[in-house]
Amino acid sequence: MRKFITLLLTAGVASPAMASSGPFFSLANTNFIVTISFLLFIGILFYYKVPGLIGGLLDSRADGIRAELDEARSLREEAQSVLASYERKHKEVQAQADRIVATAKAEAEIAAAQAQEDLEHSITRRLAAAEDQIASAQASAVKEVRDQAIGVAIAAANQVIAKQMTAAEGNKLIDAAIADVSTKLH
């Protein structure tokens, strides 16, 4: 800093001396007055420690900027760790979703197979019930045909007996049937 002031004084002293017409160290020379005023101003600045204050302000400003940069770095690192955490969670959730979908597909396939099996059992039961109904209807039809055949045979026998039988023979048969019933009931 002192070298700068010396250089400044040397440049200030030499330049005006060459440009002015008269002695440099005279109060009539404005260059000399300006140089003296400048040196006094610089001296006052140094006396009140203005360069130190400015340096301190600059240093405090630099420290503030450095602190902000450190905080920004720490926030960035924290954000990166949070991002990595969310990415891991996203992968875990995606894997869990894939497992759920696979499980749902497997359960759906099992349910479909069970439904198919239940349908086959239902069809088998219905076929068996239908066959039973058919067999029952067939047996009923056979019985009905037999009953009709018996009715027709009785009617035919009744007509034949009625033509061949006389009233006396009918009365004998009725009396025999009554006697037979009374012996069987007592």
C-alpha atoms as a PDB file:
ATOM      1  CA  MET A   1       0.000   0.000   0.000  1.00  0.00           C
ATOM      2  CA  ARG A   2       2.824   2.346   0.808  1.00  0.00           C
ATOM      3  CA  LYS A   3       4.395   1.596  -2.544  1.00  0.00           C
ATOM      4  CA  PHE A   4       1.152   2.604  -4.222  1.00  0.00           C
ATOM      5  CA  ILE A   5       1.079   5.924  -2.343  1.00  0.00           C
ATOM      6  CA  THR A   6       4.728   6.576  -3.196  1.00  0.00           C
ATOM      7  CA  LEU A   7       4.084   5.821  -6.816  1.00  0.00           C
ATOM      8  CA  LEU A   8       1.038   8.052  -6.785  1.00  0.00           C
ATOM      9  CA  LEU A   9       2.962  10.926  -5.203  1.00  0.00           C
ATOM     10  CA  THR A  10       5.811  10.519  -7.617  1.00  0.00           C
ATOM     11  CA  ALA A  11       3.481  10.500 -10.604  1.00  0.00           C
ATOM     12  CA  GLY A  12       1.479  13.419  -9.200  1.00  0.00           C
ATOM     13  CA  VAL A  13       4.554  15.472  -8.398  1.00  0.00           C
ATOM     14  CA  ALA A  14       6.358  14.834 -11.650  1.00  0.00           C
ATOM     15  CA  SER A  15       3.454  15.384 -14.018  1.00  0.00           C
ATOM     16  CA  PRO A  16       2.286  18.786 -12.876  1.00  0.00           C
ATOM     17  CA  ALA A  17       5.805  20.056 -12.563  1.00  0.00           C
ATOM     18  CA  MET A  18       6.428  19.414 -16.181  1.00  0.00           C
ATOM     19  CA  ALA A  19       3.148  20.850 -17.352  1.00  0.00           C
ATOM     20  CA  SER A  20       3.080  24.042 -15.304  1.00  0.00           C
ATOM     21  CA  SER A  21       5.092  27.172 -15.810  1.00  0.00           C
ATOM     22  CA  GLY A  22       6.553  28.061 -12.511  1.00  0.00           C
ATOM     23  CA  PRO A  23       7.678  26.420  -9.365  1.00  0.00           C
ATOM     24  CA  PHE A  24       5.674  23.362  -8.333  1.00  0.00           C
ATOM     25  CA  PHE A  25       5.982  23.954  -4.582  1.00  0.00           C
ATOM     26  CA  SER A  26       4.107  27.240  -4.667  1.00  0.00           C
ATOM     27  CA  LEU A  27       0.638  27.950  -3.270  1.00  0.00           C
ATOM     28  CA  ALA A  28      -0.145  29.683  -6.534  1.00  0.00           C
ATOM     29  CA  ASN A  29       0.251  26.385  -8.365  1.00  0.00           C
ATOM     30  CA  THR A  30      -3.148  24.595  -8.390  1.00  0.00           C
ATOM     31  CA  ASN A  31      -1.527  21.263  -9.073  1.00  0.00           C
ATOM     32  CA  PHE A  32       0.426  21.548  -5.851  1.00  0.00           C
ATOM     33  CA  ILE A  33      -2.725  22.442  -3.896  1.00  0.00           C
ATOM     34  CA  VAL A  34      -4.627  19.518  -5.414  1.00  0.00           C
ATOM     35  CA  THR A  35      -1.759  17.170  -4.598  1.00  0.00           C
ATOM     36  CA  ILE A  36      -1.592  18.413  -1.005  1.00  0.00           C
ATOM     37  CA  SER A  37      -5.401  18.092  -0.676  1.00  0.00           C
ATOM     38  CA  PHE A  38      -5.294  14.587  -2.059  1.00  0.00           C
ATOM     39  CA  LEU A  39      -2.535  13.574   0.319  1.00  0.00           C
ATOM     40  CA  LEU A  40      -4.469  15.073   3.246  1.00  0.00           C
ATOM     41  CA  PHE A  41      -7.582  13.186   2.159  1.00  0.00           C
ATOM     42  CA  ILE A  42      -5.621   9.930   1.972  1.00  0.00           C
ATOM     43  CA  GLY A  43      -4.068  10.702   5.376  1.00  0.00           C
ATOM     44  CA  ILE A  44      -7.506  11.317   6.918  1.00  0.00           C
ATOM     45  CA  LEU A  45      -8.724   8.044   5.457  1.00  0.00           C
ATOM     46  CA  PHE A  46      -5.762   6.231   7.033  1.00  0.00           C
ATOM     47  CA  TYR A  47      -6.127   8.121  10.314  1.00  0.00           C
ATOM     48  CA  TYR A  48      -9.739   7.023  10.708  1.00  0.00           C
ATOM     49  CA  LYS A  49      -8.791   3.541   9.507  1.00  0.00           C
ATOM     50  CA  VAL A  50     -11.213   3.633   6.585  1.00  0.00           C
ATOM     51  CA  PRO A  51      -9.236   1.066   4.542  1.00  0.00           C
ATOM     52  CA  GLY A  52      -9.411  -1.320   7.521  1.00  0.00           C
ATOM     53  CA  LEU A  53     -13.149  -0.666   7.856  1.00  0.00           C
ATOM     54  CA  ILE A  54     -13.670  -1.201   4.147  1.00  0.00           C
ATOM     55  CA  GLY A  55     -11.495  -4.334   4.310  1.00  0.00           C
ATOM     56  CA  GLY A  56     -13.491  -5.534   7.337  1.00  0.00           C
ATOM     57  CA  LEU A  57     -16.759  -4.883   5.534  1.00  0.00           C
ATOM     58  CA  LEU A  58     -15.476  -6.702   2.488  1.00  0.00           C
ATOM     59  CA  ASP A  59     -14.221  -9.549   4.671  1.00  0.00           C
ATOM     60  CA  SER A  60     -17.547  -9.776   6.498  1.00  0.00           C
ATOM     61  CA  ARG A  61     -19.339  -9.690   3.161  1.00  0.00           C
ATOM     62  CA  ALA A  62     -17.033 -12.449   1.863  1.00  0.00           C
ATOM     63  CA  ASP A  63     -17.668 -14.464   5.045  1.00  0.00           C
ATOM     64  CA  GLY A  64     -21.418 -14.006   4.562  1.00  0.00           C
ATOM     65  CA  ILE A  65     -21.170 -15.122   0.957  1.00  0.00           C
ATOM     66  CA  ARG A  66     -18.997 -18.076   2.006  1.00  0.00           C
ATOM     67  CA  ALA A  67     -21.562 -19.014   4.680  1.00  0.00           C
ATOM     68  CA  GLU A  68     -24.369 -18.762   2.127  1.00  0.00           C
ATOM     69  CA  LEU A  69     -22.399 -20.945  -0.274  1.00  0.00           C
ATOM     70  CA  ASP A  70     -21.770 -23.505   2.483  1.00  0.00           C
ATOM     71  CA  GLU A  71     -25.439 -23.461   3.373  1.00  0.00           C
ATOM     72  CA  ALA A  72     -26.359 -23.832  -0.303  1.00  0.00           C
ATOM     73  CA  ARG A  73     -23.970 -26.796  -0.567  1.00  0.00           C
ATOM     74  CA  SER A  74     -25.443 -28.428   2.515  1.00  0.00           C
ATOM     75  CA  LEU A  75     -28.974 -27.826   1.199  1.00  0.00           C
ATOM     76  CA  ARG A  76     -27.964 -29.291  -2.150  1.00  0.00           C
ATOM     77  CA  GLU A  77     -26.496 -32.375  -0.455  1.00  0.00           C
ATOM     78  CA  GLU A  78     -29.614 -32.707   1.675  1.00  0.00           C
ATOM     79  CA  ALA A  79     -31.801 -32.359  -1.413  1.00  0.00           C
ATOM     80  CA  GLN A  80     -29.750 -35.020  -3.180  1.00  0.00           C
ATOM     81  CA  SER A  81     -30.098 -37.379  -0.223  1.00  0.00           C
ATOM     82  CA  VAL A  82     -33.858 -36.730  -0.098  1.00  0.00           C
ATOM     83  CA  LEU A  83     -34.068 -37.314  -3.854  1.00  0.00           C
ATOM     84  CA  ALA A  84     -32.139 -40.572  -3.507  1.00  0.00           C
ATOM     85  CA  SER A  85     -34.444 -41.583  -0.647  1.00  0.00           C
ATOM     86  CA  TYR A  86     -37.526 -40.852  -2.752  1.00  0.00           C
ATOM     87  CA  GLU A  87     -36.063 -42.736  -5.693  1.00  0.00           C
ATOM     88  CA  ARG A  88     -35.451 -45.757  -3.430  1.00  0.00           C
ATOM     89  CA  LYS A  89     -38.973 -45.499  -2.069  1.00  0.00           C
ATOM     90  CA  HIS A  90     -40.322 -45.191  -5.607  1.00  0.00           C
ATOM     91  CA  LYS A  91     -38.466 -48.351  -6.628  1.00  0.00           C
ATOM     92  CA  GLU A  92     -39.753 -50.168  -3.529  1.00  0.00           C
ATOM     93  CA  VAL A  93     -43.321 -49.038  -4.203  1.00  0.00           C
ATOM     94  CA  GLN A  94     -42.979 -50.036  -7.863  1.00  0.00           C
ATOM     95  CA  ALA A  95     -41.675 -53.462  -6.848  1.00  0.00           C
ATOM     96  CA  GLN A  96     -44.519 -53.831  -4.337  1.00  0.00           C
ATOM     97  CA  ALA A  97     -47.051 -52.799  -6.987  1.00  0.00           C
ATOM     98  CA  ASP A  98     -45.569 -55.368  -9.381  1.00  0.00           C
ATOM     99  CA  ARG A  99     -45.864 -58.034  -6.666  1.00  0.00           C
ATOM    100  CA  ILE A 100     -49.466 -57.041  -5.987  1.00  0.00           C
ATOM    101  CA  VAL A 101     -50.312 -57.219  -9.687  1.00  0.00           C
ATOM    102  CA  ALA A 102     -48.620 -60.623 -10.002  1.00  0.00           C
ATOM    103  CA  THR A 103     -50.468 -61.895  -6.923  1.00  0.00           C
ATOM    104  CA  ALA A 104     -53.758 -60.543  -8.249  1.00  0.00           C
ATOM    105  CA  LYS A 105     -53.161 -62.248 -11.608  1.00  0.00           C
ATOM    106  CA  ALA A 106     -52.351 -65.540  -9.872  1.00  0.00           C
ATOM    107  CA  GLU A 107     -55.434 -65.257  -7.662  1.00  0.00           C
ATOM    108  CA  ALA A 108     -57.562 -64.402 -10.701  1.00  0.00           C
ATOM    109  CA  GLU A 109     -56.250 -67.468 -12.530  1.00  0.00           C
ATOM    110  CA  ILE A 110     -56.962 -69.646  -9.475  1.00  0.00           C
ATOM    111  CA  ALA A 111     -60.445 -68.132  -9.153  1.00  0.00           C
ATOM    112  CA  ALA A 112     -61.078 -68.728 -12.871  1.00  0.00           C
ATOM    113  CA  ALA A 113     -59.947 -72.345 -12.550  1.00  0.00           C
ATOM    114  CA  GLN A 114     -62.151 -72.792  -9.460  1.00  0.00           C
ATOM    115  CA  ALA A 115     -65.103 -71.216 -11.274  1.00  0.00           C
ATOM    116  CA  GLN A 116     -64.512 -73.556 -14.232  1.00  0.00           C
ATOM    117  CA  GLU A 117     -64.381 -76.534 -11.881  1.00  0.00           C
ATOM    118  CA  ASP A 118     -67.534 -75.381 -10.054  1.00  0.00           C
ATOM    119  CA  LEU A 119     -69.274 -74.934 -13.402  1.00  0.00           C
ATOM    120  CA  GLU A 120     -68.291 -78.431 -14.454  1.00  0.00           C
ATOM    121  CA  HIS A 121     -69.622 -79.845 -11.141  1.00  0.00           C
ATOM    122  CA  SER A 122     -72.832 -77.855 -11.547  1.00  0.00           C
ATOM    123  CA  ILE A 123     -73.276 -79.141 -15.086  1.00  0.00           C
ATOM    124  CA  THR A 124     -72.593 -82.692 -13.903  1.00  0.00           C
ATOM    125  CA  ARG A 125     -75.155 -82.350 -11.085  1.00  0.00           C
ATOM    126  CA  ARG A 126     -77.728 -80.872 -13.441  1.00  0.00           C
ATOM    127  CA  LEU A 127     -77.128 -83.642 -15.975  1.00  0.00           C
ATOM    128  CA  ALA A 128     -77.520 -86.219 -13.209  1.00  0.00           C
ATOM    129  CA  ALA A 129     -80.710 -84.515 -12.007  1.00  0.00           C
ATOM    130  CA  ALA A 130     -82.013 -84.379 -15.575  1.00  0.00           C
ATOM    131  CA  GLU A 131     -81.197 -88.079 -16.072  1.00  0.00           C
ATOM    132  CA  ASP A 132     -82.969 -88.870 -12.791  1.00  0.00           C
ATOM    133  CA  GLN A 133     -85.991 -86.875 -13.941  1.00  0.00           C
ATOM    134  CA  ILE A 134     -85.927 -88.653 -17.288  1.00  0.00           C
ATOM    135  CA  ALA A 135     -85.679 -92.033 -15.545  1.00  0.00           C
ATOM    136  CA  SER A 136     -88.499 -91.062 -13.178  1.00  0.00           C
ATOM    137  CA  ALA A 137     -90.622 -89.831 -16.063  1.00  0.00           C
ATOM    138  CA  GLN A 138     -89.878 -93.027 -17.955  1.00  0.00           C
ATOM    139  CA  ALA A 139     -90.801 -95.153 -14.921  1.00  0.00           C
ATOM    140  CA  SER A 140     -93.942 -93.078 -14.444  1.00  0.00           C
ATOM    141  CA  ALA A 141     -94.831 -93.507 -18.110  1.00  0.00           C
ATOM    142  CA  VAL A 142     -94.227 -97.264 -17.895  1.00  0.00           C
ATOM    143  CA  LYS A 143     -96.394 -97.458 -14.737  1.00  0.00           C
ATOM    144  CA  GLU A 144     -99.090 -95.377 -16.402  1.00  0.00           C
ATOM    145  CA  VAL A 145     -99.012 -97.647 -19.457  1.00  0.00           C
ATOM    146  CA  ARG A 146     -99.217-100.706 -17.147  1.00  0.00           C
ATOM    147  CA  ASP A 147    -102.068 -99.133 -15.185  1.00  0.00           C
ATOM    148  CA  GLN A 148    -103.908 -98.389 -18.413  1.00  0.00           C
ATOM    149  CA  ALA A 149    -103.162-101.893 -19.663  1.00  0.00           C
ATOM    150  CA  ILE A 150    -104.461-103.320 -16.399  1.00  0.00           C
ATOM    151  CA  GLY A 151    -107.533-101.079 -16.599  1.00  0.00           C
ATOM    152  CA  VAL A 152    -108.135-102.163 -20.194  1.00  0.00           C
ATOM    153  CA  ALA A 153    -107.561-105.818 -19.238  1.00  0.00           C
ATOM    154  CA  ILE A 154    -109.977-105.525 -16.302  1.00  0.00           C
ATOM    155  CA  ALA A 155    -112.535-103.817 -18.471  1.00  0.00           C
ATOM    156  CA  ALA A 156    -112.063-106.478 -21.143  1.00  0.00           C
ATOM    157  CA  ALA A 157    -112.247-109.241 -18.527  1.00  0.00           C
ATOM    158  CA  ASN A 158    -115.309-107.589 -17.029  1.00  0.00           C
ATOM    159  CA  GLN A 159    -117.003-107.541 -20.404  1.00  0.00           C
ATOM    160  CA  VAL A 160    -116.033-111.159 -21.120  1.00  0.00           C
ATOM    161  CA  ILE A 161    -117.177-112.305 -17.682  1.00  0.00           C
ATOM    162  CA  ALA A 162    -120.331-110.236 -17.950  1.00  0.00           C
ATOM    163  CA  LYS A 163    -121.181-111.918 -21.248  1.00  0.00           C
ATOM    164  CA  GLN A 164    -120.381-115.400 -19.956  1.00  0.00           C
ATOM    165  CA  MET A 165    -121.713-115.062 -16.452  1.00  0.00           C
ATOM    166  CA  THR A 166    -125.259-115.380 -15.403  1.00  0.00           C
ATOM    167  CA  ALA A 167    -126.938-113.690 -12.490  1.00  0.00           C
ATOM    168  CA  ALA A 168    -126.874-116.819 -10.348  1.00  0.00           C
ATOM    169  CA  GLU A 169    -123.168-117.310 -10.862  1.00  0.00           C
ATOM    170  CA  GLY A 170    -122.558-113.609 -10.031  1.00  0.00           C
ATOM    171  CA  ASN A 171    -124.466-113.951  -6.784  1.00  0.00           C
ATOM    172  CA  LYS A 172    -122.419-117.043  -5.862  1.00  0.00           C
ATOM    173  CA  LEU A 173    -119.193-115.125  -6.509  1.00  0.00           C
ATOM    174  CA  ILE A 174    -120.356-112.167  -4.416  1.00  0.00           C
ATOM    175  CA  ASP A 175    -121.288-114.443  -1.537  1.00  0.00           C
ATOM    176  CA  ALA A 176    -117.912-116.213  -1.758  1.00  0.00           C
ATOM    177  CA  ALA A 177    -116.070-112.883  -1.752  1.00  0.00           C
ATOM    178  CA  ILE A 178    -118.031-111.688   1.289  1.00  0.00           C
ATOM    179  CA  ALA A 179    -117.276-114.902   3.122  1.00  0.00           C
ATOM    180  CA  ASP A 180    -113.618-114.698   2.162  1.00  0.00           C
ATOM    181  CA  VAL A 181    -113.412-111.102   3.406  1.00  0.00           C
ATOM    182  CA  SER A 182    -115.138-111.939   6.695  1.00  0.00           C
ATOM    183  CA  THR A 183    -112.740-114.860   7.371  1.00  0.00           C
ATOM    184  CA  LYS A 184    -109.733-112.723   6.615  1.00  0.00           C
ATOM    185  CA  LEU A 185    -110.907-109.823   8.787  1.00  0.00           C
ATOM    186  CA  HIS A 186    -111.768-111.986  11.848  1.00  0.00           C
END
